[in-house]
Amino acid sequence: MQGRDSLRYSILASGSRGNATYIETPKHRILIDAGLSGKQLEARMAKLNRSLADVEAIFVTHEHSDHIHGVGVLARRYGLAVYANQGTWQAMAPKMGKIAPEQKYLLAPGAVKDFGDLQVESFAVSHDAAQPQFYQLHHDQQTLCILTDTGYVSDKIAGTVRNADAYLMECNHDPEMLLAGQRYSWPLKQRILGTEGHLSNEDGANALMDVIGARTKTVFLGHRSHENNTKSLAHLTVASMLSAQDYGVDHDFTLQDTDQDEPTALLSL
């Protein structure tokens, strides 16, 4: 279903230098993460003809700076509610400055926050953070799944997120580029490649093959490393792997890219 009654969304930024996604329904407007400065997020919302003054809440995935950089300033400037689980609150609180107690909310992994015409469902992932979790957004039998920053996709996660209408799926790195690069230390490379690291292009493709269903119409490739990947390589790898297994790339669903520096259009499920 398209138009005003649909869940609408824009990936404001996705990559190793900052992440944020905007979601709206007819009655509610929220952010998933705010990993850019307040000024940058305001500018990206303006490109959508939207204002952060109309956003009511930020849902935080984990405490890494590329996901929380703007959370504190936006919470104070616009009076936003901030949702995170207990472990994430403890880890990120010292990094964000003062947030009023009445703006702080807990949402545990596996829980659902019901706004009426928008349900925000959290699920745990495997990442080197205190208590990382990501989110599915549900509206009128439509679902957007955001899944990045995980070392692998377990059977439990796959079962939770299967057959969404749209995905933002991590394709962080190309393993050969990562291993050959000179800027990252060997321990950092091991961390990225490990079970609490990030999905490679191949990992992202394999995860998609486990979860894409008949309802799926849009797949965005996200959280791409600035150092260890390229947009064209991620897209080609995923498209080739899915097509080789008879998935209808750009026929049954579209495969789209995200950008670190520009928001996507405001799209409807």
C-alpha atoms as a PDB file:
ATOM      1  CA  MET A   1       0.000   0.000   0.000  1.00  0.00           C
ATOM      2  CA  GLN A   2       1.352   3.391  -1.002  1.00  0.00           C
ATOM      3  CA  GLY A   3       0.655   6.954   0.067  1.00  0.00           C
ATOM      4  CA  ARG A   4      -0.414   8.813   3.155  1.00  0.00           C
ATOM      5  CA  ASP A   5      -1.613   5.790   5.135  1.00  0.00           C
ATOM      6  CA  SER A   6       1.621   3.852   4.635  1.00  0.00           C
ATOM      7  CA  LEU A   7       4.636   3.654   6.862  1.00  0.00           C
ATOM      8  CA  ARG A   8       7.110   6.073   5.286  1.00  0.00           C
ATOM      9  CA  TYR A   9      10.841   6.176   5.893  1.00  0.00           C
ATOM     10  CA  SER A  10      14.154   7.658   4.858  1.00  0.00           C
ATOM     11  CA  ILE A  11      17.612   6.363   5.654  1.00  0.00           C
ATOM     12  CA  LEU A  12      19.176   9.675   6.636  1.00  0.00           C
ATOM     13  CA  ALA A  13      22.682   8.192   6.842  1.00  0.00           C
ATOM     14  CA  SER A  14      24.159   4.718   6.826  1.00  0.00           C
ATOM     15  CA  GLY A  15      27.831   3.910   7.119  1.00  0.00           C
ATOM     16  CA  SER A  16      30.787   3.657   9.435  1.00  0.00           C
ATOM     17  CA  ARG A  17      30.751   7.431  10.095  1.00  0.00           C
ATOM     18  CA  GLY A  18      27.140   7.877  11.151  1.00  0.00           C
ATOM     19  CA  ASN A  19      23.712   6.223  11.087  1.00  0.00           C
ATOM     20  CA  ALA A  20      20.135   7.411  11.411  1.00  0.00           C
ATOM     21  CA  THR A  21      16.752   6.398   9.967  1.00  0.00           C
ATOM     22  CA  TYR A  22      13.550   8.447   9.989  1.00  0.00           C
ATOM     23  CA  ILE A  23      10.146   6.715  10.207  1.00  0.00           C
ATOM     24  CA  GLU A  24       6.676   8.214  10.047  1.00  0.00           C
ATOM     25  CA  THR A  25       3.097   6.984  10.117  1.00  0.00           C
ATOM     26  CA  PRO A  26      -0.021   9.156   9.907  1.00  0.00           C
ATOM     27  CA  LYS A  27       0.197   9.730  13.673  1.00  0.00           C
ATOM     28  CA  HIS A  28       3.840   9.326  14.744  1.00  0.00           C
ATOM     29  CA  ARG A  29       7.386  10.295  13.747  1.00  0.00           C
ATOM     30  CA  ILE A  30      10.530   8.738  15.215  1.00  0.00           C
ATOM     31  CA  LEU A  31      14.240   8.197  14.601  1.00  0.00           C
ATOM     32  CA  ILE A  32      16.218   4.994  14.866  1.00  0.00           C
ATOM     33  CA  ASP A  33      19.642   6.194  16.069  1.00  0.00           C
ATOM     34  CA  ALA A  34      21.084   9.669  15.675  1.00  0.00           C
ATOM     35  CA  GLY A  35      24.723   9.116  14.768  1.00  0.00           C
ATOM     36  CA  LEU A  36      25.334  12.507  13.150  1.00  0.00           C
ATOM     37  CA  SER A  37      25.515  15.978  14.656  1.00  0.00           C
ATOM     38  CA  GLY A  38      22.284  17.789  15.390  1.00  0.00           C
ATOM     39  CA  LYS A  39      23.047  20.273  12.609  1.00  0.00           C
ATOM     40  CA  GLN A  40      23.609  17.514  10.049  1.00  0.00           C
ATOM     41  CA  LEU A  41      20.416  15.711  11.021  1.00  0.00           C
ATOM     42  CA  GLU A  42      18.408  18.916  10.821  1.00  0.00           C
ATOM     43  CA  ALA A  43      19.773  19.527   7.308  1.00  0.00           C
ATOM     44  CA  ARG A  44      18.935  16.016   6.135  1.00  0.00           C
ATOM     45  CA  MET A  45      15.417  16.218   7.509  1.00  0.00           C
ATOM     46  CA  ALA A  46      14.977  19.554   5.713  1.00  0.00           C
ATOM     47  CA  LYS A  47      15.820  17.815   2.419  1.00  0.00           C
ATOM     48  CA  LEU A  48      12.744  15.653   3.049  1.00  0.00           C
ATOM     49  CA  ASN A  49      10.603  18.695   3.913  1.00  0.00           C
ATOM     50  CA  ARG A  50      10.421  17.362   7.448  1.00  0.00           C
ATOM     51  CA  SER A  51      11.413  18.872  10.799  1.00  0.00           C
ATOM     52  CA  LEU A  52      12.921  17.336  13.901  1.00  0.00           C
ATOM     53  CA  ALA A  53      10.482  19.483  15.844  1.00  0.00           C
ATOM     54  CA  ASP A  54       7.791  16.974  14.813  1.00  0.00           C
ATOM     55  CA  VAL A  55       9.775  13.906  15.893  1.00  0.00           C
ATOM     56  CA  GLU A  56       8.768  12.504  19.259  1.00  0.00           C
ATOM     57  CA  ALA A  57      11.334   9.808  20.055  1.00  0.00           C
ATOM     58  CA  ILE A  58      14.735   8.301  19.277  1.00  0.00           C
ATOM     59  CA  PHE A  59      15.251   4.552  19.565  1.00  0.00           C
ATOM     60  CA  VAL A  60      18.909   3.711  20.172  1.00  0.00           C
ATOM     61  CA  THR A  61      20.480   0.464  18.956  1.00  0.00           C
ATOM     62  CA  HIS A  62      23.758   0.623  20.910  1.00  0.00           C
ATOM     63  CA  GLU A  63      26.243   3.078  22.362  1.00  0.00           C
ATOM     64  CA  HIS A  64      28.830   3.365  19.570  1.00  0.00           C
ATOM     65  CA  SER A  65      29.377   6.965  18.507  1.00  0.00           C
ATOM     66  CA  ASP A  66      28.257   6.437  14.911  1.00  0.00           C
ATOM     67  CA  HIS A  67      24.799   5.670  16.334  1.00  0.00           C
ATOM     68  CA  ILE A  68      24.466   8.108  19.262  1.00  0.00           C
ATOM     69  CA  HIS A  69      26.518  11.197  18.338  1.00  0.00           C
ATOM     70  CA  GLY A  70      23.472  13.469  18.108  1.00  0.00           C
ATOM     71  CA  VAL A  71      21.164  11.782  20.624  1.00  0.00           C
ATOM     72  CA  GLY A  72      21.913  14.021  23.601  1.00  0.00           C
ATOM     73  CA  VAL A  73      21.708  17.332  21.772  1.00  0.00           C
ATOM     74  CA  LEU A  74      18.488  16.391  19.954  1.00  0.00           C
ATOM     75  CA  ALA A  75      16.884  15.139  23.155  1.00  0.00           C
ATOM     76  CA  ARG A  76      17.625  18.445  24.876  1.00  0.00           C
ATOM     77  CA  ARG A  77      16.844  20.710  21.926  1.00  0.00           C
ATOM     78  CA  TYR A  78      13.535  19.120  20.972  1.00  0.00           C
ATOM     79  CA  GLY A  79      12.450  17.402  24.191  1.00  0.00           C
ATOM     80  CA  LEU A  80      12.548  13.970  22.572  1.00  0.00           C
ATOM     81  CA  ALA A  81      11.943  10.725  24.400  1.00  0.00           C
ATOM     82  CA  VAL A  82      14.915   8.353  24.192  1.00  0.00           C
ATOM     83  CA  TYR A  83      14.397   4.574  24.240  1.00  0.00           C
ATOM     84  CA  ALA A  84      17.169   2.051  24.869  1.00  0.00           C
ATOM     85  CA  ASN A  85      17.704  -1.087  26.908  1.00  0.00           C
ATOM     86  CA  GLN A  86      19.349  -1.110  30.329  1.00  0.00           C
ATOM     87  CA  GLY A  87      22.829  -2.065  29.162  1.00  0.00           C
ATOM     88  CA  THR A  88      22.868   0.563  26.442  1.00  0.00           C
ATOM     89  CA  TRP A  89      21.646   3.280  28.811  1.00  0.00           C
ATOM     90  CA  GLN A  90      24.446   2.506  31.241  1.00  0.00           C
ATOM     91  CA  ALA A  91      27.069   2.519  28.481  1.00  0.00           C
ATOM     92  CA  MET A  92      25.910   5.634  26.631  1.00  0.00           C
ATOM     93  CA  ALA A  93      24.821   7.882  29.514  1.00  0.00           C
ATOM     94  CA  PRO A  94      28.318   9.326  30.165  1.00  0.00           C
ATOM     95  CA  LYS A  95      28.682  10.200  26.469  1.00  0.00           C
ATOM     96  CA  MET A  96      25.508  12.222  25.950  1.00  0.00           C
ATOM     97  CA  GLY A  97      25.356  14.877  28.639  1.00  0.00           C
ATOM     98  CA  LYS A  98      22.334  15.462  30.816  1.00  0.00           C
ATOM     99  CA  ILE A  99      18.962  14.143  29.685  1.00  0.00           C
ATOM    100  CA  ALA A 100      15.935  14.751  31.889  1.00  0.00           C
ATOM    101  CA  PRO A 101      14.702  11.613  33.675  1.00  0.00           C
ATOM    102  CA  GLU A 102      11.239  11.981  32.161  1.00  0.00           C
ATOM    103  CA  GLN A 103      12.780  11.658  28.675  1.00  0.00           C
ATOM    104  CA  LYS A 104      14.466   8.319  29.431  1.00  0.00           C
ATOM    105  CA  TYR A 105      12.648   5.088  28.594  1.00  0.00           C
ATOM    106  CA  LEU A 106      13.616   1.425  28.769  1.00  0.00           C
ATOM    107  CA  LEU A 107      12.889  -1.021  25.961  1.00  0.00           C
ATOM    108  CA  ALA A 108      14.363  -4.466  26.521  1.00  0.00           C
ATOM    109  CA  PRO A 109      15.375  -6.858  23.726  1.00  0.00           C
ATOM    110  CA  GLY A 110      12.335  -8.730  22.479  1.00  0.00           C
ATOM    111  CA  ALA A 111       9.923  -6.049  23.681  1.00  0.00           C
ATOM    112  CA  VAL A 112       7.467  -3.963  21.658  1.00  0.00           C
ATOM    113  CA  LYS A 113       6.631  -0.295  22.155  1.00  0.00           C
ATOM    114  CA  ASP A 114       3.098   0.274  20.850  1.00  0.00           C
ATOM    115  CA  PHE A 115       2.262   3.823  19.748  1.00  0.00           C
ATOM    116  CA  GLY A 116      -1.118   2.836  18.333  1.00  0.00           C
ATOM    117  CA  ASP A 117      -0.489   3.034  14.595  1.00  0.00           C
ATOM    118  CA  LEU A 118       3.212   2.214  14.988  1.00  0.00           C
ATOM    119  CA  GLN A 119       4.803  -0.711  16.813  1.00  0.00           C
ATOM    120  CA  VAL A 120       8.554  -0.706  17.464  1.00  0.00           C
ATOM    121  CA  GLU A 121       9.857  -4.237  18.052  1.00  0.00           C
ATOM    122  CA  SER A 122      13.368  -4.747  19.407  1.00  0.00           C
ATOM    123  CA  PHE A 123      15.573  -7.803  18.925  1.00  0.00           C
ATOM    124  CA  ALA A 124      19.054  -8.640  20.207  1.00  0.00           C
ATOM    125  CA  VAL A 125      22.059  -8.916  17.879  1.00  0.00           C
ATOM    126  CA  SER A 126      25.691 -10.043  18.255  1.00  0.00           C
ATOM    127  CA  HIS A 127      27.976  -7.004  18.363  1.00  0.00           C
ATOM    128  CA  ASP A 128      30.784  -5.748  20.596  1.00  0.00           C
ATOM    129  CA  ALA A 129      28.599  -3.328  22.513  1.00  0.00           C
ATOM    130  CA  ALA A 130      27.042  -3.498  25.962  1.00  0.00           C
ATOM    131  CA  GLN A 131      23.596  -4.816  24.932  1.00  0.00           C
ATOM    132  CA  PRO A 132      23.034  -4.217  21.207  1.00  0.00           C
ATOM    133  CA  GLN A 133      19.570  -4.481  19.722  1.00  0.00           C
ATOM    134  CA  PHE A 134      17.924  -3.488  16.458  1.00  0.00           C
ATOM    135  CA  TYR A 135      14.363  -2.800  15.449  1.00  0.00           C
ATOM    136  CA  GLN A 136      11.450  -3.733  13.251  1.00  0.00           C
ATOM    137  CA  LEU A 137       8.821  -1.082  12.609  1.00  0.00           C
ATOM    138  CA  HIS A 138       5.241  -2.268  12.075  1.00  0.00           C
ATOM    139  CA  HIS A 139       2.264  -0.323  10.729  1.00  0.00           C
ATOM    140  CA  ASP A 140      -0.982  -1.725   9.333  1.00  0.00           C
ATOM    141  CA  GLN A 141       0.556  -5.115   8.454  1.00  0.00           C
ATOM    142  CA  GLN A 142       3.614  -3.442   6.917  1.00  0.00           C
ATOM    143  CA  THR A 143       7.120  -4.017   8.295  1.00  0.00           C
ATOM    144  CA  LEU A 144      10.457  -2.278   7.906  1.00  0.00           C
ATOM    145  CA  CYS A 145      13.417  -4.171   9.376  1.00  0.00           C
ATOM    146  CA  ILE A 146      16.695  -2.461  10.308  1.00  0.00           C
ATOM    147  CA  LEU A 147      19.533  -4.937  10.830  1.00  0.00           C
ATOM    148  CA  THR A 148      23.135  -3.750  10.912  1.00  0.00           C
ATOM    149  CA  ASP A 149      26.041  -4.003  13.376  1.00  0.00           C
ATOM    150  CA  THR A 150      25.990  -7.729  13.965  1.00  0.00           C
ATOM    151  CA  GLY A 151      28.672 -10.357  13.502  1.00  0.00           C
ATOM    152  CA  TYR A 152      26.198 -12.938  12.274  1.00  0.00           C
ATOM    153  CA  VAL A 153      22.468 -13.475  11.827  1.00  0.00           C
ATOM    154  CA  SER A 154      21.301 -16.317  14.040  1.00  0.00           C
ATOM    155  CA  ASP A 155      18.377 -18.600  13.274  1.00  0.00           C
ATOM    156  CA  LYS A 156      16.459 -16.756  16.003  1.00  0.00           C
ATOM    157  CA  ILE A 157      17.061 -13.359  14.404  1.00  0.00           C
ATOM    158  CA  ALA A 158      16.207 -14.694  10.944  1.00  0.00           C
ATOM    159  CA  GLY A 159      12.953 -16.125  12.262  1.00  0.00           C
ATOM    160  CA  THR A 160      12.080 -12.825  13.916  1.00  0.00           C
ATOM    161  CA  VAL A 161      12.677 -10.647  10.845  1.00  0.00           C
ATOM    162  CA  ARG A 162      11.623 -12.963   8.026  1.00  0.00           C
ATOM    163  CA  ASN A 163       9.366 -11.656   5.218  1.00  0.00           C
ATOM    164  CA  ALA A 164       9.466  -7.942   5.997  1.00  0.00           C
ATOM    165  CA  ASP A 165       8.276  -5.499   3.350  1.00  0.00           C
ATOM    166  CA  ALA A 166      11.641  -3.699   3.381  1.00  0.00           C
ATOM    167  CA  TYR A 167      15.094  -4.257   4.852  1.00  0.00           C
ATOM    168  CA  LEU A 168      18.081  -2.149   5.706  1.00  0.00           C
ATOM    169  CA  MET A 169      20.707  -4.909   5.776  1.00  0.00           C
ATOM    170  CA  GLU A 170      24.345  -4.533   6.724  1.00  0.00           C
ATOM    171  CA  CYS A 171      26.981  -5.035   4.031  1.00  0.00           C
ATOM    172  CA  ASN A 172      29.871  -3.524   5.937  1.00  0.00           C
ATOM    173  CA  HIS A 173      33.046  -4.752   4.278  1.00  0.00           C
ATOM    174  CA  ASP A 174      34.745  -6.800   1.621  1.00  0.00           C
ATOM    175  CA  PRO A 175      36.958  -9.287   3.494  1.00  0.00           C
ATOM    176  CA  GLU A 176      39.824  -9.046   0.986  1.00  0.00           C
ATOM    177  CA  MET A 177      39.867  -5.244   1.169  1.00  0.00           C
ATOM    178  CA  LEU A 178      39.765  -5.402   4.967  1.00  0.00           C
ATOM    179  CA  LEU A 179      42.631  -7.879   5.254  1.00  0.00           C
ATOM    180  CA  ALA A 180      44.790  -6.107   2.664  1.00  0.00           C
ATOM    181  CA  GLY A 181      44.281  -2.629   4.090  1.00  0.00           C
ATOM    182  CA  GLN A 182      47.097  -0.860   5.962  1.00  0.00           C
ATOM    183  CA  ARG A 183      45.151   1.504   8.209  1.00  0.00           C
ATOM    184  CA  TYR A 184      43.461  -1.051  10.466  1.00  0.00           C
ATOM    185  CA  SER A 185      45.399  -3.011  13.097  1.00  0.00           C
ATOM    186  CA  TRP A 186      45.228  -6.793  13.124  1.00  0.00           C
ATOM    187  CA  PRO A 187      43.139  -6.834  16.344  1.00  0.00           C
ATOM    188  CA  LEU A 188      40.643  -4.419  14.758  1.00  0.00           C
ATOM    189  CA  LYS A 189      40.445  -6.568  11.635  1.00  0.00           C
ATOM    190  CA  GLN A 190      39.803  -9.609  13.821  1.00  0.00           C
ATOM    191  CA  ARG A 191      37.090  -7.732  15.685  1.00  0.00           C
ATOM    192  CA  ILE A 192      35.296  -6.743  12.465  1.00  0.00           C
ATOM    193  CA  LEU A 193      35.506 -10.279  11.074  1.00  0.00           C
ATOM    194  CA  GLY A 194      34.423 -11.926  14.324  1.00  0.00           C
ATOM    195  CA  THR A 195      31.041 -13.057  15.589  1.00  0.00           C
ATOM    196  CA  GLU A 196      30.588  -9.742  17.426  1.00  0.00           C
ATOM    197  CA  GLY A 197      31.729  -7.614  14.506  1.00  0.00           C
ATOM    198  CA  HIS A 198      30.039  -6.719  11.226  1.00  0.00           C
ATOM    199  CA  LEU A 199      28.466  -8.539   8.291  1.00  0.00           C
ATOM    200  CA  SER A 200      30.545  -8.647   5.124  1.00  0.00           C
ATOM    201  CA  ASN A 201      28.950  -8.234   1.711  1.00  0.00           C
ATOM    202  CA  GLU A 202      28.732 -12.021   1.428  1.00  0.00           C
ATOM    203  CA  ASP A 203      27.311 -12.347   4.936  1.00  0.00           C
ATOM    204  CA  GLY A 204      24.668  -9.754   4.141  1.00  0.00           C
ATOM    205  CA  ALA A 205      23.693 -11.613   0.979  1.00  0.00           C
ATOM    206  CA  ASN A 206      23.419 -14.908   2.846  1.00  0.00           C
ATOM    207  CA  ALA A 207      21.304 -13.280   5.553  1.00  0.00           C
ATOM    208  CA  LEU A 208      18.998 -11.833   2.926  1.00  0.00           C
ATOM    209  CA  MET A 209      18.523 -15.254   1.371  1.00  0.00           C
ATOM    210  CA  ASP A 210      17.358 -16.478   4.784  1.00  0.00           C
ATOM    211  CA  VAL A 211      14.809 -13.717   5.343  1.00  0.00           C
ATOM    212  CA  ILE A 212      13.460 -12.348   2.038  1.00  0.00           C
ATOM    213  CA  GLY A 213       9.851 -13.424   1.498  1.00  0.00           C
ATOM    214  CA  ALA A 214       6.928 -12.877  -0.814  1.00  0.00           C
ATOM    215  CA  ARG A 215       6.127  -9.547   0.853  1.00  0.00           C
ATOM    216  CA  THR A 216       9.631  -8.153   0.416  1.00  0.00           C
ATOM    217  CA  LYS A 217       9.746  -5.347  -2.127  1.00  0.00           C
ATOM    218  CA  THR A 218      12.775  -3.246  -1.149  1.00  0.00           C
ATOM    219  CA  VAL A 219      16.244  -4.073   0.177  1.00  0.00           C
ATOM    220  CA  PHE A 220      18.735  -1.366   1.126  1.00  0.00           C
ATOM    221  CA  LEU A 221      22.403  -2.267   1.614  1.00  0.00           C
ATOM    222  CA  GLY A 222      23.731  -0.369   4.609  1.00  0.00           C
ATOM    223  CA  HIS A 223      26.462   0.427   7.111  1.00  0.00           C
ATOM    224  CA  ARG A 224      29.119   0.277   4.409  1.00  0.00           C
ATOM    225  CA  SER A 225      32.702   0.806   5.581  1.00  0.00           C
ATOM    226  CA  HIS A 226      34.377   3.903   4.184  1.00  0.00           C
ATOM    227  CA  GLU A 227      37.746   2.132   4.260  1.00  0.00           C
ATOM    228  CA  ASN A 228      36.967  -1.476   3.382  1.00  0.00           C
ATOM    229  CA  ASN A 229      34.164  -1.473   0.836  1.00  0.00           C
ATOM    230  CA  THR A 230      32.667   0.380  -2.104  1.00  0.00           C
ATOM    231  CA  LYS A 231      29.060   0.974  -3.087  1.00  0.00           C
ATOM    232  CA  SER A 232      29.488  -0.792  -6.422  1.00  0.00           C
ATOM    233  CA  LEU A 233      31.266  -3.804  -4.925  1.00  0.00           C
ATOM    234  CA  ALA A 234      28.649  -4.314  -2.218  1.00  0.00           C
ATOM    235  CA  HIS A 235      25.825  -4.030  -4.724  1.00  0.00           C
ATOM    236  CA  LEU A 236      27.437  -6.337  -7.285  1.00  0.00           C
ATOM    237  CA  THR A 237      28.315  -8.982  -4.687  1.00  0.00           C
ATOM    238  CA  VAL A 238      24.832  -9.125  -3.191  1.00  0.00           C
ATOM    239  CA  ALA A 239      23.032  -8.943  -6.532  1.00  0.00           C
ATOM    240  CA  SER A 240      25.205 -11.714  -7.997  1.00  0.00           C
ATOM    241  CA  MET A 241      24.792 -14.027  -5.024  1.00  0.00           C
ATOM    242  CA  LEU A 242      21.020 -13.563  -4.839  1.00  0.00           C
ATOM    243  CA  SER A 243      20.553 -13.913  -8.590  1.00  0.00           C
ATOM    244  CA  ALA A 244      22.620 -17.101  -8.621  1.00  0.00           C
ATOM    245  CA  GLN A 245      20.069 -18.602  -6.226  1.00  0.00           C
ATOM    246  CA  ASP A 246      17.124 -17.462  -8.360  1.00  0.00           C
ATOM    247  CA  TYR A 247      16.066 -14.538  -6.190  1.00  0.00           C
ATOM    248  CA  GLY A 248      14.275 -11.974  -8.329  1.00  0.00           C
ATOM    249  CA  VAL A 249      16.638  -9.044  -7.897  1.00  0.00           C
ATOM    250  CA  ASP A 250      15.109  -5.885  -9.398  1.00  0.00           C
ATOM    251  CA  HIS A 251      12.088  -7.958 -10.411  1.00  0.00           C
ATOM    252  CA  ASP A 252      10.420  -9.292  -7.260  1.00  0.00           C
ATOM    253  CA  PHE A 253      12.202  -6.674  -5.155  1.00  0.00           C
ATOM    254  CA  THR A 254      14.562  -3.759  -5.721  1.00  0.00           C
ATOM    255  CA  LEU A 255      18.117  -3.729  -4.421  1.00  0.00           C
ATOM    256  CA  GLN A 256      19.133  -0.210  -3.442  1.00  0.00           C
ATOM    257  CA  ASP A 257      22.179   1.519  -1.995  1.00  0.00           C
ATOM    258  CA  THR A 258      22.512   3.862   0.953  1.00  0.00           C
ATOM    259  CA  ASP A 259      24.844   6.801   1.349  1.00  0.00           C
ATOM    260  CA  GLN A 260      26.868   8.236   4.187  1.00  0.00           C
ATOM    261  CA  ASP A 261      26.368  11.801   3.011  1.00  0.00           C
ATOM    262  CA  GLU A 262      22.850  11.961   1.554  1.00  0.00           C
ATOM    263  CA  PRO A 263      19.463  10.757   2.771  1.00  0.00           C
ATOM    264  CA  THR A 264      17.348   8.461   0.647  1.00  0.00           C
ATOM    265  CA  ALA A 265      14.061   9.771  -0.658  1.00  0.00           C
ATOM    266  CA  LEU A 266      11.079   9.537   1.665  1.00  0.00           C
ATOM    267  CA  LEU A 267       9.652   6.177   0.641  1.00  0.00           C
ATOM    268  CA  SER A 268       6.424   4.306   1.361  1.00  0.00           C
ATOM    269  CA  LEU A 269       6.192   0.607   2.086  1.00  0.00           C
END
